[in-house]
Full PDB file with SEQRES, HELIX, SHEET, SSBOND, CRYST1, ORIGX, SCALE, CONECT and MASTER records, all heavy atoms in Angstrom:
SEQRES   1 A   33  THR ALA GLY GLU ALA VAL LEU LEU GLN ALA LEU ASP SER          
SEQRES   2 A   33  ALA GLY LEU LYS LEU SER ASP VAL THR SER VAL ASP ILE          
SEQRES   3 A   33  GLN GLN THR GLN VAL ALA ALA                                  
HELIX    1 AA1 ALA A    2  SER A   13  1                                  12    
HELIX    2 AA2 LEU A   18  ASP A   20  5                                   3    
HELIX    3 AA3 GLN A   28  GLN A   30  5                                   3    
CRYST1    1.000    1.000    1.000  90.00  90.00  90.00 P 1           1          
ORIGX1      1.000000  0.000000  0.000000        0.00000                         
ORIGX2      0.000000  1.000000  0.000000        0.00000                         
ORIGX3      0.000000  0.000000  1.000000        0.00000                         
SCALE1      1.000000  0.000000  0.000000        0.00000                         
SCALE2      0.000000  1.000000  0.000000        0.00000                         
SCALE3      0.000000  0.000000  1.000000        0.00000                         
ATOM      1  N   THR A   1     108.492  96.802  91.907  1.00  0.00           N  
ATOM      2  CA  THR A   1     108.842  97.992  91.137  1.00  0.00           C  
ATOM      3  C   THR A   1     107.554  98.602  90.531  1.00  0.00           C  
ATOM      4  O   THR A   1     106.456  98.086  90.725  1.00  0.00           O  
ATOM      5  CB  THR A   1     109.769  97.645  89.944  1.00  0.00           C  
ATOM      6  OG1 THR A   1     109.060  96.778  89.034  1.00  0.00           O  
ATOM      7  CG2 THR A   1     111.004  96.906  90.432  1.00  0.00           C  
ATOM      8  N   ALA A   2     107.728  99.701  89.795  1.00  0.00           N  
ATOM      9  CA  ALA A   2     106.616 100.369  89.155  1.00  0.00           C  
ATOM     10  C   ALA A   2     105.944  99.493  88.140  1.00  0.00           C  
ATOM     11  O   ALA A   2     104.752  99.627  87.862  1.00  0.00           O  
ATOM     12  CB  ALA A   2     107.058 101.685  88.532  1.00  0.00           C  
ATOM     13  N   GLY A   3     106.764  98.552  87.602  1.00  0.00           N  
ATOM     14  CA  GLY A   3     106.106  97.651  86.628  1.00  0.00           C  
ATOM     15  C   GLY A   3     105.031  96.788  87.247  1.00  0.00           C  
ATOM     16  O   GLY A   3     103.962  96.559  86.641  1.00  0.00           O  
ATOM     17  N   GLU A   4     105.279  96.333  88.458  1.00  0.00           N  
ATOM     18  CA  GLU A   4     104.218  95.560  89.147  1.00  0.00           C  
ATOM     19  C   GLU A   4     103.062  96.438  89.503  1.00  0.00           C  
ATOM     20  O   GLU A   4     101.869  96.000  89.420  1.00  0.00           O  
ATOM     21  CB  GLU A   4     104.793  94.927  90.436  1.00  0.00           C  
ATOM     22  CG  GLU A   4     103.748  94.022  91.138  1.00  0.00           C  
ATOM     23  CD  GLU A   4     104.301  93.300  92.309  1.00  0.00           C  
ATOM     24  OE1 GLU A   4     105.382  93.719  92.850  1.00  0.00           O  
ATOM     25  OE2 GLU A   4     103.651  92.353  92.802  1.00  0.00           O  
ATOM     26  N   ALA A   5     103.299  97.724  89.846  1.00  0.00           N  
ATOM     27  CA  ALA A   5     102.191  98.637  90.179  1.00  0.00           C  
ATOM     28  C   ALA A   5     101.318  98.830  88.959  1.00  0.00           C  
ATOM     29  O   ALA A   5     100.068  98.783  89.051  1.00  0.00           O  
ATOM     30  CB  ALA A   5     102.806 100.001  90.614  1.00  0.00           C  
ATOM     31  N   VAL A   6     101.906  99.000  87.786  1.00  0.00           N  
ATOM     32  CA  VAL A   6     101.164  99.153  86.509  1.00  0.00           C  
ATOM     33  C   VAL A   6     100.283  97.953  86.345  1.00  0.00           C  
ATOM     34  O   VAL A   6      99.097  98.055  86.015  1.00  0.00           O  
ATOM     35  CB  VAL A   6     102.114  99.394  85.342  1.00  0.00           C  
ATOM     36  CG1 VAL A   6     101.345  99.276  84.067  1.00  0.00           C  
ATOM     37  CG2 VAL A   6     102.787 100.713  85.468  1.00  0.00           C  
ATOM     38  N   LEU A   7     100.849  96.778  86.498  1.00  0.00           N  
ATOM     39  CA  LEU A   7     100.126  95.514  86.247  1.00  0.00           C  
ATOM     40  C   LEU A   7      98.948  95.350  87.222  1.00  0.00           C  
ATOM     41  O   LEU A   7      97.834  95.046  86.828  1.00  0.00           O  
ATOM     42  CB  LEU A   7     101.047  94.323  86.350  1.00  0.00           C  
ATOM     43  CG  LEU A   7     100.465  92.972  86.078  1.00  0.00           C  
ATOM     44  CD1 LEU A   7      99.899  92.848  84.664  1.00  0.00           C  
ATOM     45  CD2 LEU A   7     101.449  91.839  86.323  1.00  0.00           C  
ATOM     46  N   LEU A   8      99.180  95.623  88.532  1.00  0.00           N  
ATOM     47  CA  LEU A   8      98.148  95.480  89.528  1.00  0.00           C  
ATOM     48  C   LEU A   8      96.985  96.377  89.231  1.00  0.00           C  
ATOM     49  O   LEU A   8      95.805  95.925  89.309  1.00  0.00           O  
ATOM     50  CB  LEU A   8      98.731  95.804  90.927  1.00  0.00           C  
ATOM     51  CG  LEU A   8      99.600  94.789  91.572  1.00  0.00           C  
ATOM     52  CD1 LEU A   8     100.248  95.349  92.816  1.00  0.00           C  
ATOM     53  CD2 LEU A   8      98.849  93.498  91.875  1.00  0.00           C  
ATOM     54  N   GLN A   9      97.231  97.626  88.910  1.00  0.00           N  
ATOM     55  CA  GLN A   9      96.123  98.579  88.667  1.00  0.00           C  
ATOM     56  C   GLN A   9      95.395  98.220  87.363  1.00  0.00           C  
ATOM     57  O   GLN A   9      94.178  98.330  87.354  1.00  0.00           O  
ATOM     58  CB  GLN A   9      96.708  99.999  88.577  1.00  0.00           C  
ATOM     59  CG  GLN A   9      97.260 100.504  89.923  1.00  0.00           C  
ATOM     60  CD  GLN A   9      98.081 101.785  89.724  1.00  0.00           C  
ATOM     61  OE1 GLN A   9      97.618 102.875  90.007  1.00  0.00           O  
ATOM     62  NE2 GLN A   9      99.273 101.626  89.203  1.00  0.00           N  
ATOM     63  N   ALA A  10      96.146  97.876  86.343  1.00  0.00           N  
ATOM     64  CA  ALA A  10      95.498  97.536  85.043  1.00  0.00           C  
ATOM     65  C   ALA A  10      94.675  96.325  85.147  1.00  0.00           C  
ATOM     66  O   ALA A  10      93.572  96.276  84.623  1.00  0.00           O  
ATOM     67  CB  ALA A  10      96.603  97.390  84.012  1.00  0.00           C  
ATOM     68  N   LEU A  11      95.141  95.261  85.829  1.00  0.00           N  
ATOM     69  CA  LEU A  11      94.337  94.064  86.015  1.00  0.00           C  
ATOM     70  C   LEU A  11      93.101  94.336  86.828  1.00  0.00           C  
ATOM     71  O   LEU A  11      92.016  93.885  86.492  1.00  0.00           O  
ATOM     72  CB  LEU A  11      95.190  92.962  86.728  1.00  0.00           C  
ATOM     73  CG  LEU A  11      96.373  92.342  85.914  1.00  0.00           C  
ATOM     74  CD1 LEU A  11      97.132  91.361  86.843  1.00  0.00           C  
ATOM     75  CD2 LEU A  11      95.798  91.647  84.690  1.00  0.00           C  
ATOM     76  N   ASP A  12      93.269  95.125  87.873  1.00  0.00           N  
ATOM     77  CA  ASP A  12      92.089  95.489  88.721  1.00  0.00           C  
ATOM     78  C   ASP A  12      91.057  96.247  87.888  1.00  0.00           C  
ATOM     79  O   ASP A  12      89.823  95.967  88.004  1.00  0.00           O  
ATOM     80  CB  ASP A  12      92.565  96.401  89.873  1.00  0.00           C  
ATOM     81  CG  ASP A  12      91.426  96.764  90.852  1.00  0.00           C  
ATOM     82  OD1 ASP A  12      90.822  95.797  91.417  1.00  0.00           O  
ATOM     83  OD2 ASP A  12      91.146  97.935  90.951  1.00  0.00           O  
ATOM     84  N   SER A  13      91.487  97.175  87.021  1.00  0.00           N  
ATOM     85  CA  SER A  13      90.508  97.876  86.202  1.00  0.00           C  
ATOM     86  C   SER A  13      89.855  97.016  85.151  1.00  0.00           C  
ATOM     87  O   SER A  13      88.764  97.277  84.736  1.00  0.00           O  
ATOM     88  CB  SER A  13      91.271  99.073  85.469  1.00  0.00           C  
ATOM     89  OG  SER A  13      91.765 100.000  86.375  1.00  0.00           O  
ATOM     90  N   ALA A  14      90.577  95.917  84.779  1.00  0.00           N  
ATOM     91  CA  ALA A  14      90.057  94.946  83.825  1.00  0.00           C  
ATOM     92  C   ALA A  14      89.216  93.871  84.474  1.00  0.00           C  
ATOM     93  O   ALA A  14      88.755  92.919  83.819  1.00  0.00           O  
ATOM     94  CB  ALA A  14      91.159  94.375  82.995  1.00  0.00           C  
ATOM     95  N   GLY A  15      89.045  93.955  85.769  1.00  0.00           N  
ATOM     96  CA  GLY A  15      88.287  92.932  86.528  1.00  0.00           C  
ATOM     97  C   GLY A  15      89.061  91.712  86.794  1.00  0.00           C  
ATOM     98  O   GLY A  15      88.464  90.615  87.051  1.00  0.00           O  
ATOM     99  N   LEU A  16      90.411  91.759  86.741  1.00  0.00           N  
ATOM    100  CA  LEU A  16      91.269  90.589  87.012  1.00  0.00           C  
ATOM    101  C   LEU A  16      92.101  90.835  88.240  1.00  0.00           C  
ATOM    102  O   LEU A  16      92.219  91.927  88.731  1.00  0.00           O  
ATOM    103  CB  LEU A  16      92.201  90.385  85.795  1.00  0.00           C  
ATOM    104  CG  LEU A  16      91.515  90.076  84.435  1.00  0.00           C  
ATOM    105  CD1 LEU A  16      92.578  89.998  83.332  1.00  0.00           C  
ATOM    106  CD2 LEU A  16      90.705  88.797  84.528  1.00  0.00           C  
ATOM    107  N   LYS A  17      92.708  89.730  88.726  1.00  0.00           N  
ATOM    108  CA  LYS A  17      93.633  89.798  89.891  1.00  0.00           C  
ATOM    109  C   LYS A  17      95.004  89.278  89.443  1.00  0.00           C  
ATOM    110  O   LYS A  17      95.140  88.652  88.367  1.00  0.00           O  
ATOM    111  CB  LYS A  17      93.063  88.943  91.020  1.00  0.00           C  
ATOM    112  CG  LYS A  17      91.751  89.451  91.596  1.00  0.00           C  
ATOM    113  CD  LYS A  17      91.295  88.549  92.699  1.00  0.00           C  
ATOM    114  CE  LYS A  17      89.958  89.004  93.335  1.00  0.00           C  
ATOM    115  NZ  LYS A  17      89.516  88.139  94.396  1.00  0.00           N  
ATOM    116  N   LEU A  18      95.962  89.515  90.311  1.00  0.00           N  
ATOM    117  CA  LEU A  18      97.307  89.046  90.009  1.00  0.00           C  
ATOM    118  C   LEU A  18      97.341  87.537  89.894  1.00  0.00           C  
ATOM    119  O   LEU A  18      98.118  86.952  89.095  1.00  0.00           O  
ATOM    120  CB  LEU A  18      98.262  89.533  91.041  1.00  0.00           C  
ATOM    121  CG  LEU A  18      99.760  89.397  90.740  1.00  0.00           C  
ATOM    122  CD1 LEU A  18     100.122  90.207  89.538  1.00  0.00           C  
ATOM    123  CD2 LEU A  18     100.603  89.849  91.909  1.00  0.00           C  
ATOM    124  N   SER A  19      96.483  86.875  90.638  1.00  0.00           N  
ATOM    125  CA  SER A  19      96.404  85.418  90.610  1.00  0.00           C  
ATOM    126  C   SER A  19      95.875  84.880  89.246  1.00  0.00           C  
ATOM    127  O   SER A  19      95.958  83.664  88.959  1.00  0.00           O  
ATOM    128  CB  SER A  19      95.567  84.898  91.766  1.00  0.00           C  
ATOM    129  OG  SER A  19      94.266  85.409  91.735  1.00  0.00           O  
ATOM    130  N   ASP A  20      95.277  85.760  88.448  1.00  0.00           N  
ATOM    131  CA  ASP A  20      94.744  85.365  87.143  1.00  0.00           C  
ATOM    132  C   ASP A  20      95.857  85.228  86.130  1.00  0.00           C  
ATOM    133  O   ASP A  20      95.549  84.730  84.976  1.00  0.00           O  
ATOM    134  CB  ASP A  20      93.688  86.363  86.680  1.00  0.00           C  
ATOM    135  CG  ASP A  20      92.395  86.260  87.516  1.00  0.00           C  
ATOM    136  OD1 ASP A  20      92.003  85.139  87.868  1.00  0.00           O  
ATOM    137  OD2 ASP A  20      91.774  87.333  87.781  1.00  0.00           O  
ATOM    138  N   VAL A  21      97.040  85.693  86.421  1.00  0.00           N  
ATOM    139  CA  VAL A  21      98.161  85.530  85.475  1.00  0.00           C  
ATOM    140  C   VAL A  21      99.256  84.760  86.163  1.00  0.00           C  
ATOM    141  O   VAL A  21      99.267  84.604  87.382  1.00  0.00           O  
ATOM    142  CB  VAL A  21      98.704  86.890  85.023  1.00  0.00           C  
ATOM    143  CG1 VAL A  21      97.618  87.774  84.460  1.00  0.00           C  
ATOM    144  CG2 VAL A  21      99.410  87.618  86.154  1.00  0.00           C  
ATOM    145  N   THR A  22     100.182  84.230  85.378  1.00  0.00           N  
ATOM    146  CA  THR A  22     101.395  83.566  85.934  1.00  0.00           C  
ATOM    147  C   THR A  22     102.497  84.589  85.960  1.00  0.00           C  
ATOM    148  O   THR A  22     102.989  84.985  84.906  1.00  0.00           O  
ATOM    149  CB  THR A  22     101.764  82.328  85.056  1.00  0.00           C  
ATOM    150  OG1 THR A  22     100.742  81.405  85.069  1.00  0.00           O  
ATOM    151  CG2 THR A  22     103.040  81.686  85.622  1.00  0.00           C  
ATOM    152  N   SER A  23     102.913  84.989  87.140  1.00  0.00           N  
ATOM    153  CA  SER A  23     103.906  86.043  87.288  1.00  0.00           C  
ATOM    154  C   SER A  23     105.274  85.429  87.079  1.00  0.00           C  
ATOM    155  O   SER A  23     105.582  84.343  87.652  1.00  0.00           O  
ATOM    156  CB  SER A  23     103.815  86.681  88.670  1.00  0.00           C  
ATOM    157  OG  SER A  23     102.597  87.355  88.835  1.00  0.00           O  
ATOM    158  N   VAL A  24     106.081  86.072  86.298  1.00  0.00           N  
ATOM    159  CA  VAL A  24     107.504  85.689  86.124  1.00  0.00           C  
ATOM    160  C   VAL A  24     108.345  86.886  86.598  1.00  0.00           C  
ATOM    161  O   VAL A  24     108.452  87.882  85.920  1.00  0.00           O  
ATOM    162  CB  VAL A  24     107.790  85.385  84.610  1.00  0.00           C  
ATOM    163  CG1 VAL A  24     109.252  84.966  84.487  1.00  0.00           C  
ATOM    164  CG2 VAL A  24     106.872  84.232  84.127  1.00  0.00           C  
ATOM    165  N   ASP A  25     108.910  86.710  87.750  1.00  0.00           N  
ATOM    166  CA  ASP A  25     109.680  87.836  88.422  1.00  0.00           C  
ATOM    167  C   ASP A  25     111.110  87.783  87.949  1.00  0.00           C  
ATOM    168  O   ASP A  25     111.908  86.965  88.288  1.00  0.00           O  
ATOM    169  CB  ASP A  25     109.612  87.640  89.951  1.00  0.00           C  
ATOM    170  CG  ASP A  25     110.330  88.695  90.701  1.00  0.00           C  
ATOM    171  OD1 ASP A  25     110.587  89.783  90.085  1.00  0.00           O  
ATOM    172  OD2 ASP A  25     110.661  88.501  91.887  1.00  0.00           O  
ATOM    173  N   ILE A  26     111.447  88.813  87.086  1.00  0.00           N  
ATOM    174  CA  ILE A  26     112.817  88.935  86.584  1.00  0.00           C  
ATOM    175  C   ILE A  26     113.162  90.434  86.578  1.00  0.00           C  
ATOM    176  O   ILE A  26     112.371  91.289  86.633  1.00  0.00           O  
ATOM    177  CB  ILE A  26     112.962  88.349  85.171  1.00  0.00           C  
ATOM    178  CG1 ILE A  26     111.970  88.991  84.186  1.00  0.00           C  
ATOM    179  CG2 ILE A  26     112.832  86.847  85.174  1.00  0.00           C  
ATOM    180  CD1 ILE A  26     112.164  88.522  82.765  1.00  0.00           C  
ATOM    181  N   GLN A  27     114.427  90.674  86.512  1.00  0.00           N  
ATOM    182  CA  GLN A  27     114.915  92.049  86.443  1.00  0.00           C  
ATOM    183  C   GLN A  27     114.417  92.744  85.176  1.00  0.00           C  
ATOM    184  O   GLN A  27     114.269  92.051  84.109  1.00  0.00           O  
ATOM    185  CB  GLN A  27     116.422  92.136  86.489  1.00  0.00           C  
ATOM    186  CG  GLN A  27     117.040  91.695  87.837  1.00  0.00           C  
ATOM    187  CD  GLN A  27     118.528  91.883  87.882  1.00  0.00           C  
ATOM    188  OE1 GLN A  27     119.159  92.378  86.941  1.00  0.00           O  
ATOM    189  NE2 GLN A  27     119.095  91.540  89.008  1.00  0.00           N  
ATOM    190  N   GLN A  28     114.192  94.019  85.277  1.00  0.00           N  
ATOM    191  CA  GLN A  28     113.713  94.757  84.126  1.00  0.00           C  
ATOM    192  C   GLN A  28     114.513  94.573  82.871  1.00  0.00           C  
ATOM    193  O   GLN A  28     114.026  94.489  81.755  1.00  0.00           O  
ATOM    194  CB  GLN A  28     113.559  96.257  84.435  1.00  0.00           C  
ATOM    195  CG  GLN A  28     112.917  97.098  83.415  1.00  0.00           C  
ATOM    196  CD  GLN A  28     111.522  96.650  83.054  1.00  0.00           C  
ATOM    197  OE1 GLN A  28     110.657  96.598  83.932  1.00  0.00           O  
ATOM    198  NE2 GLN A  28     111.303  96.274  81.794  1.00  0.00           N  
ATOM    199  N   THR A  29     115.816  94.524  83.029  1.00  0.00           N  
ATOM    200  CA  THR A  29     116.719  94.414  81.869  1.00  0.00           C  
ATOM    201  C   THR A  29     116.634  92.992  81.200  1.00  0.00           C  
ATOM    202  O   THR A  29     117.185  92.834  80.093  1.00  0.00           O  
ATOM    203  CB  THR A  29     118.175  94.661  82.287  1.00  0.00           C  
ATOM    204  OG1 THR A  29     118.516  93.839  83.402  1.00  0.00           O  
ATOM    205  CG2 THR A  29     118.356  96.112  82.695  1.00  0.00           C  
ATOM    206  N   GLN A  30     115.945  92.059  81.853  1.00  0.00           N  
ATOM    207  CA  GLN A  30     115.838  90.690  81.301  1.00  0.00           C  
ATOM    208  C   GLN A  30     114.495  90.415  80.624  1.00  0.00           C  
ATOM    209  O   GLN A  30     114.323  89.344  80.055  1.00  0.00           O  
ATOM    210  CB  GLN A  30     116.112  89.660  82.399  1.00  0.00           C  
ATOM    211  CG  GLN A  30     117.484  89.749  82.997  1.00  0.00           C  
ATOM    212  CD  GLN A  30     117.652  88.783  84.163  1.00  0.00           C  
ATOM    213  OE1 GLN A  30     116.683  88.324  84.726  1.00  0.00           O  
ATOM    214  NE2 GLN A  30     118.921  88.555  84.522  1.00  0.00           N  
ATOM    215  N   VAL A  31     113.588  91.390  80.717  1.00  0.00           N  
ATOM    216  CA  VAL A  31     112.216  91.193  80.170  1.00  0.00           C  
ATOM    217  C   VAL A  31     112.275  90.980  78.671  1.00  0.00           C  
ATOM    218  O   VAL A  31     111.615  90.046  78.111  1.00  0.00           O  
ATOM    219  CB  VAL A  31     111.304  92.406  80.553  1.00  0.00           C  
ATOM    220  CG1 VAL A  31     109.964  92.303  79.780  1.00  0.00           C  
ATOM    221  CG2 VAL A  31     111.063  92.400  82.015  1.00  0.00           C  
ATOM    222  N   ALA A  32     113.032  91.775  77.960  1.00  0.00           N  
ATOM    223  CA  ALA A  32     113.108  91.634  76.490  1.00  0.00           C  
ATOM    224  C   ALA A  32     113.592  90.240  76.117  1.00  0.00           C  
ATOM    225  O   ALA A  32     113.090  89.615  75.194  1.00  0.00           O  
ATOM    226  CB  ALA A  32     113.987  92.739  75.903  1.00  0.00           C  
ATOM    227  N   ALA A  33     114.593  89.740  76.783  1.00  0.00           N  
ATOM    228  CA  ALA A  33     115.167  88.413  76.479  1.00  0.00           C  
ATOM    229  C   ALA A  33     114.098  87.331  76.720  1.00  0.00           C  
ATOM    230  O   ALA A  33     113.995  86.360  75.972  1.00  0.00           O  
ATOM    231  CB  ALA A  33     116.446  88.125  77.310  1.00  0.00           C  
TER     232      ALA A  33                                                      
MASTER        0    0    0    3    0    0    0    6  231    1    0    3          
END                                                                             
């Protein structure tokens, strides 16, 4: 989703990669919980 796109670009701009974080793949409506 666009959420992953935001994260990928922001991490790249910060000199980080997706592997530098622990991804928790959940539906958008479950993020707040």
